[in-house]
Protein backbone atom coordinates (compact mmCIF):
# COMPACT_ATOMS: atom_id res chain seq x y z
CA MET A 1 79.37 317.68 -18.31
CA SER A 2 81.97 316.67 -15.53
CA GLU A 3 82.99 312.88 -15.21
CA PHE A 4 80.76 312.77 -11.92
CA GLY A 5 77.71 314.03 -13.86
CA LEU A 6 78.34 311.38 -16.84
CA THR A 7 78.97 308.60 -14.52
CA GLU A 8 76.57 309.14 -11.18
CA PRO A 9 73.15 307.96 -13.03
CA PHE A 10 74.56 304.58 -13.01
CA ARG A 11 75.37 304.40 -9.31
CA LYS A 12 71.91 302.27 -8.37
CA GLU A 13 72.26 299.82 -11.24
CA LEU A 14 75.95 299.25 -10.38
CA LEU A 15 75.13 298.72 -6.78
CA ALA A 16 72.63 296.11 -7.84
CA HIS A 17 74.98 294.41 -9.98
CA CYS A 18 77.90 294.50 -6.84
CA TYR A 19 75.27 292.98 -4.79
CA ARG A 20 74.35 290.15 -7.00
CA MET A 21 78.08 289.39 -6.95
CA LEU A 22 78.78 289.88 -3.47
CA ALA A 23 75.31 288.75 -1.59
CA SER A 24 76.34 292.00 0.80
CA VAL A 25 74.81 295.30 0.61
CA HIS A 26 77.65 296.97 2.59
CA GLU A 27 80.30 294.87 0.48
CA ALA A 28 78.16 296.26 -2.58
CA GLU A 29 78.38 299.87 -1.36
CA ASP A 30 82.01 299.51 -0.87
CA ALA A 31 82.67 298.03 -4.23
CA VAL A 32 80.70 300.73 -5.89
CA GLN A 33 82.78 303.18 -4.53
CA GLU A 34 85.80 301.95 -5.28
CA THR A 35 84.48 301.49 -8.96
CA TYR A 36 83.89 305.18 -9.15
CA LEU A 37 87.56 306.01 -7.55
CA ARG A 38 89.15 304.11 -10.14
CA ALA A 39 87.15 305.52 -12.74
CA TRP A 40 87.85 308.96 -11.48
CA ARG A 41 91.58 308.23 -11.41
CA SER A 42 91.62 306.70 -14.96
CA TRP A 43 89.17 308.91 -16.36
CA SER A 44 91.81 310.62 -18.84
CA SER A 45 92.61 307.12 -20.39
CA PHE A 46 88.91 306.25 -21.01
CA GLU A 47 88.68 307.12 -24.97
CA GLY A 48 85.28 306.09 -25.82
CA ARG A 49 86.40 302.54 -27.31
CA SER A 50 83.14 301.39 -25.74
CA SER A 51 80.47 303.05 -24.10
CA LEU A 52 80.44 304.41 -20.72
CA ARG A 53 78.35 301.90 -19.11
CA VAL A 54 80.25 298.97 -20.38
CA TRP A 55 83.32 300.67 -19.00
CA LEU A 56 81.88 301.25 -15.58
CA TYR A 57 80.34 297.54 -15.65
CA ARG A 58 84.10 296.43 -16.53
CA ILE A 59 85.63 298.01 -13.56
CA ALA A 60 82.59 296.89 -11.04
CA THR A 61 82.87 293.26 -12.18
CA ASN A 62 86.84 293.34 -11.61
CA VAL A 63 86.20 294.79 -8.27
CA CYS A 64 83.96 292.38 -7.22
CA LEU A 65 86.07 289.42 -8.36
CA THR A 66 89.15 290.59 -6.39
CA ALA A 67 86.64 291.06 -3.37
CA ILE A 68 85.03 287.57 -3.63
CA GLU A 69 88.92 286.03 -3.76
CA GLN A 70 89.70 287.96 -0.97
CA ARG A 71 86.42 287.14 1.09
CA GLY A 72 85.00 283.94 -0.19
CA ARG A 73 81.04 283.63 -0.62
CA ARG A 74 78.15 283.98 1.50
CA ALA A 75 75.45 281.65 2.29
CA LEU A 76 72.04 281.12 4.13
CA PRO A 77 71.64 278.69 6.98
CA SER A 78 69.86 275.70 4.53
CA GLY A 79 73.24 275.83 2.56
CA LEU A 80 75.17 274.83 5.68
CA GLY A 81 73.40 271.77 7.00
CA ALA A 82 70.60 269.78 7.77
CA PRO A 83 67.18 271.51 9.00
CA ALA A 84 66.70 271.54 12.75
CA THR A 85 64.67 268.81 14.42
CA ASP A 86 64.15 270.83 17.89
CA LEU A 87 63.76 274.50 19.00
CA SER A 88 67.01 274.95 20.59
CA PRO A 89 68.41 278.46 20.23
CA GLY A 90 70.35 279.23 16.77
CA VAL A 91 73.74 279.46 17.30
CA PRO A 92 76.52 280.66 14.90
CA PRO A 93 78.35 278.95 12.58
CA ASP A 94 81.69 277.02 14.05
CA ASP A 95 84.01 278.46 10.99
CA PRO A 96 84.05 282.17 11.70
CA ALA A 97 84.75 282.24 7.67
CA VAL A 98 81.45 281.63 7.17
CA ARG A 99 79.56 284.57 6.12
CA PHE A 100 75.95 285.38 5.54
CA VAL A 101 73.62 286.90 2.72
CA GLU A 102 72.45 290.12 3.59
CA PRO A 103 68.80 291.49 2.22
CA ILE A 104 68.88 294.87 0.20
CA ALA A 105 66.09 297.39 0.16
CA GLU A 106 64.19 298.31 -3.01
CA THR A 107 64.57 301.70 -2.81
CA LEU A 108 68.73 301.46 -3.15
CA VAL A 109 68.47 299.97 -6.54
CA ILE A 110 65.40 301.21 -7.88
CA PRO A 111 66.48 304.54 -9.68
CA ALA A 112 64.22 307.35 -11.17
CA PRO A 113 64.26 307.47 -15.12
CA THR A 114 67.62 309.49 -16.03
CA ALA A 115 69.03 310.09 -19.43
CA GLY A 116 72.06 308.30 -19.98
CA SER A 117 70.82 304.92 -18.04
CA THR A 118 69.29 301.95 -19.06
CA ALA A 119 67.50 301.56 -15.72
CA SER A 120 64.49 303.05 -15.10
CA SER A 121 61.02 303.05 -13.07
CA ASP A 122 59.25 301.46 -16.02
CA PRO A 123 56.98 298.56 -14.74
CA ALA A 124 58.52 295.79 -16.82
CA ALA A 125 62.02 296.88 -15.64
CA ILE A 126 61.19 296.77 -11.91
CA VAL A 127 59.75 293.56 -12.54
CA THR A 128 63.06 292.07 -14.04
CA LEU A 129 65.27 293.97 -11.33
CA ARG A 130 63.09 292.29 -8.67
CA GLU A 131 63.41 288.93 -10.20
CA SER A 132 67.05 289.31 -9.91
CA LEU A 133 67.43 290.03 -6.82
CA ARG A 134 65.43 287.16 -4.97
CA LEU A 135 67.09 285.90 -2.04
CA ALA A 136 67.12 282.31 -3.30
CA LEU A 137 68.51 283.57 -6.58
CA ILE A 138 71.07 285.59 -4.68
CA ALA A 139 72.21 282.67 -2.71
CA ALA A 140 72.17 280.38 -5.81
CA LEU A 141 74.61 282.45 -7.21
CA GLN A 142 76.93 282.29 -4.26
CA TYR A 143 77.60 278.68 -5.28
CA LEU A 144 78.94 279.43 -8.64
CA PRO A 145 82.85 279.86 -9.42
CA PRO A 146 83.33 283.66 -9.32
CA LYS A 147 83.94 283.92 -13.24
CA GLN A 148 80.97 281.94 -14.15
CA ARG A 149 79.07 284.22 -11.61
CA ALA A 150 80.35 287.38 -13.55
CA VAL A 151 79.47 285.64 -16.32
CA LEU A 152 75.98 284.89 -16.02
CA ILE A 153 75.10 288.12 -14.51
CA LEU A 154 76.45 290.33 -17.27
CA ARG A 155 74.83 287.88 -19.80
CA GLU A 156 71.51 286.75 -18.85
CA VAL A 157 70.52 289.39 -15.96
CA LEU A 158 72.01 292.15 -17.49
CA ALA A 159 72.08 291.40 -21.43
CA PHE A 160 75.36 292.36 -22.01
CA PRO A 161 76.53 290.86 -25.52
CA ALA A 162 78.92 288.44 -25.41
CA ALA A 163 81.81 290.57 -27.26
CA GLU A 164 81.70 293.12 -24.31
CA VAL A 165 81.65 290.52 -21.42
CA ALA A 166 84.74 289.22 -23.06
CA THR A 167 85.83 292.68 -23.08
CA MET A 168 85.27 293.48 -19.51
CA LEU A 169 86.93 290.01 -18.66
CA ASP A 170 89.79 290.13 -20.92
CA THR A 171 89.07 286.97 -22.56
CA SER A 172 87.69 285.62 -25.67
CA VAL A 173 83.92 285.52 -26.90
CA ALA A 174 84.19 281.39 -26.89
CA ALA A 175 85.44 281.43 -23.21
CA VAL A 176 82.65 283.55 -22.37
CA LYS A 177 80.00 281.18 -24.44
CA SER A 178 81.42 278.21 -22.77
CA THR A 179 81.57 279.70 -19.23
CA LEU A 180 78.19 280.99 -19.67
CA GLN A 181 76.90 277.30 -20.50
CA ARG A 182 78.62 275.68 -17.31
CA ALA A 183 77.20 278.44 -14.98
CA ARG A 184 73.76 277.77 -16.42
CA ALA A 185 74.33 274.31 -15.78
CA ASN A 186 75.39 274.66 -12.25
CA LEU A 187 72.62 276.93 -11.74
CA ASP A 188 69.83 274.22 -12.90
CA SER A 189 70.11 272.52 -9.51
CA THR A 190 69.63 275.27 -7.04
CA VAL A 191 67.50 277.97 -8.92
CA PRO A 192 64.47 279.39 -6.89
CA GLY A 193 60.88 278.17 -8.18
CA GLU A 194 58.03 280.12 -8.90
CA VAL A 195 57.74 283.34 -6.57
CA SER A 196 54.84 285.76 -6.70
CA ALA A 197 55.70 289.43 -7.16
CA PRO A 198 55.41 291.49 -4.02
CA THR A 199 52.33 293.44 -5.37
CA ASP A 200 50.52 290.50 -6.38
CA PRO A 201 47.06 290.11 -4.43
CA GLU A 202 47.85 286.89 -3.35
CA SER A 203 51.22 288.13 -1.88
CA LEU A 204 49.85 290.90 -0.54
CA ALA A 205 47.21 288.32 1.63
CA LEU A 206 49.87 286.18 3.09
CA LEU A 207 51.63 289.37 3.98
CA ASP A 208 48.60 290.55 6.03
CA ASP A 209 48.47 287.19 7.50
CA TYR A 210 51.70 287.26 8.74
CA ILE A 211 51.85 290.50 10.06
CA ALA A 212 48.24 289.91 11.91
CA GLY A 213 49.56 286.45 12.96
CA PHE A 214 52.50 288.18 14.89
CA GLU A 215 50.70 291.52 15.95
CA ASN A 216 47.61 289.67 17.10
CA ALA A 217 49.16 286.63 18.13
CA ASP A 218 47.42 284.67 15.87
CA THR A 219 48.69 281.51 15.09
CA ALA A 220 45.97 280.30 12.98
CA ALA A 221 46.54 283.25 10.65
CA LEU A 222 50.32 282.12 10.33
CA GLU A 223 49.15 278.45 9.66
CA ARG A 224 46.52 279.75 6.94
CA ALA A 225 50.11 281.57 5.57
CA LEU A 226 52.21 278.71 5.54
CA ARG A 227 52.82 275.98 2.53
CA ALA A 228 53.25 272.52 4.06
CA ASP A 229 56.46 272.43 3.21
CA ALA A 230 57.64 276.06 4.40
CA ALA A 231 60.67 276.49 5.81
CA ILE A 232 62.21 279.16 8.00
CA GLU A 233 65.92 280.56 8.24
CA MET A 234 67.59 281.94 10.98
CA VAL A 235 70.17 284.21 8.98
CA GLY A 236 73.33 284.67 11.02
CA THR A 237 72.93 280.95 12.47
CA THR A 238 73.27 277.70 11.25
CA THR A 239 69.67 276.79 12.24
CA TRP A 240 66.46 276.69 9.99
CA PHE A 241 63.40 274.65 10.01
CA ASN A 242 61.69 272.81 7.47
CA GLY A 243 57.66 271.77 7.70
CA ARG A 244 54.71 273.74 8.34
CA VAL A 245 54.79 272.07 11.78
CA MET A 246 58.04 272.69 12.63
CA CYS A 247 57.58 276.17 11.69
CA LEU A 248 54.76 276.50 13.43
CA GLN A 249 56.05 275.37 16.65
CA LEU A 250 58.86 278.09 16.21
CA LEU A 251 56.52 280.71 15.09
CA ALA A 252 54.18 280.14 18.34
CA SER A 253 57.05 280.33 20.67
CA ALA A 254 57.71 283.53 19.33
CA VAL A 255 54.16 285.63 18.81
CA GLY A 256 54.06 286.37 22.73
CA ALA A 257 50.85 288.03 23.56
CA PRO A 258 49.08 290.61 21.31
CA GLY A 259 50.81 293.67 20.74
CA ASP A 260 54.04 292.49 21.53
CA TRP A 261 55.11 292.81 17.99
CA ARG A 262 54.76 295.58 15.30
CA MET A 263 55.53 294.81 11.71
CA ILE A 264 55.62 297.78 9.12
CA PRO A 265 55.87 296.45 5.54
CA ILE A 266 58.63 297.00 2.85
CA ILE A 267 59.96 295.20 -0.22
CA ALA A 268 63.62 293.48 -0.04
CA ASN A 269 65.12 291.24 -2.62
CA GLY A 270 62.12 292.07 -4.71
CA GLN A 271 60.12 290.44 -2.29
CA PRO A 272 57.27 291.03 0.35
CA ALA A 273 59.21 291.94 3.73
CA VAL A 274 58.44 293.45 6.90
CA GLY A 275 60.80 295.52 9.59
CA ALA A 276 59.96 294.06 13.13
CA TYR A 277 59.77 295.28 16.30
CA PHE A 278 59.42 293.80 19.80
CA LYS A 279 57.75 295.51 22.76
CA GLY A 280 58.91 298.73 21.05
CA ASP A 281 62.24 298.08 20.25
CA PRO A 282 63.73 297.29 16.65
CA TYR A 283 64.03 293.49 16.17
CA GLY A 284 65.12 293.45 12.18
CA VAL A 285 63.86 292.35 9.27
CA ALA A 286 61.84 289.24 7.83
CA VAL A 287 61.76 288.53 4.27
CA LEU A 288 58.76 286.24 2.66
CA THR A 289 58.73 284.27 -0.16
CA PRO A 290 54.74 284.04 -1.51
CA THR A 291 53.63 281.66 -3.73
CA PRO A 292 50.56 280.59 -5.25
CA THR A 293 50.11 278.18 -2.72
CA GLY A 294 51.65 279.97 0.39
CA LEU A 295 54.67 281.22 1.79
CA SER A 296 57.32 278.95 0.85
CA HIS A 297 60.43 280.38 2.88
CA ILE A 298 60.87 283.12 5.70
CA HIS A 299 64.17 284.43 6.10
CA VAL A 300 64.90 286.49 9.40
CA PHE A 301 67.35 288.89 10.06
CA SER A 302 67.19 289.47 13.69
CA ASP A 303 69.66 292.63 13.26
CA PRO A 304 68.24 295.47 14.68
CA GLU A 305 70.38 298.04 12.87
CA LEU A 306 68.47 296.68 9.65
CA VAL A 307 65.35 298.68 10.55
CA PRO A 308 66.79 302.12 9.91
CA TYR A 309 69.06 300.89 7.07
CA PHE A 310 65.57 300.46 5.37
CA GLY A 311 64.34 303.73 6.06
CA LEU A 312 62.35 302.60 8.90
CA PRO A 313 61.95 304.65 12.16
CA LYS A 314 63.80 303.45 15.48
CA VAL A 315 60.61 303.51 16.97
CA PRO A 316 57.18 302.66 15.47
CA ALA A 317 54.30 305.32 15.13
CA PRO A 318 51.84 304.73 17.92
C-alpha cells in the first residue's frame, strides 16, 4: 500500500486535533495539509520506531505549535471584556491582532470506521469526540501556554501514553507529567460546566424552541429556552450579553416578523446549532449550549460563508 493509503485514514482525527490546538477550521485544514506534506517528504526516514499514528501526531502537533507562535491564540467575546449594558451594535476589537474561535462542522471530524484508525462511528467514540470539541472547552484551551495545550490534548483527550507524548515533543516523561499537572490546574478555573448531548430530548426541545422563536417571531418560546444566567456572544465583535433579561431584549430586537428567518438544524462542536437565513439570504451559524435547565450560551457567528461550509444550501428550500 502507498504512503497515501496508509496515512489517509487518519486525516479526520488529525483535523480534530489541529482544530483543538488552533481553534480555527481553516488553520486546522492548513495544518493537516502541512502535516501530510512533511510526512510525504520524510516518508523514507520513517523506520517504524513508533506507530504511524504517533508519527503523524508528532508532525501535526509541531506544525500547530509553530502556527501558534506565529499567530497567537483565539478568543470568544466573553474573554475580551465585560458584558454589554445596552443593545448598541457589536463592534470589532480595537486590536487587529485579536482573532476569534471558529465553529467546526461535525461531518468534518467524524470518520466512517476504517482499518488502521482508532477513530470510528462507534457511539461512545462520538460522545467523547463531541465533548472534546465543545466551544467553551476550545476557547478555554486557548488560554493555556502552547506546550501545556499540546500535552493536555495528547494525554487527556487522545490518551497517548506519557512516553509517546514525550517522544512527540522531544522532551522527557517527567516534563510531560509536570506540564500536564500545570495544564490541569490552569484549565480548572475555565472548564465548562454540564452540557447536554445534542441528541438528548432536552437538547432537541431547546433547539425546537429556539427555531420556533425566530421562524414564528415567538419571544415566549425564546424565553422558555433560556436559563436565567444565559449569555449570547456575537462572535467577531467584542459584544456579548449576560442574563435572560438582556438576552431577550436582544432577541426580541432581532426576530422581526414571522417568516423573516429560516433555521436549519445542524451539529457544530458537538452541540446543537442552526444554519440561519434572513429573508432568504444566508446569515450565519448559531451554536447553542444546552443544559438540563435551559440554554446557557448562544454563540452567533454572523458570517454568511459559514452556511455553505456546513453543507447547507445557499438558498433554503421552500
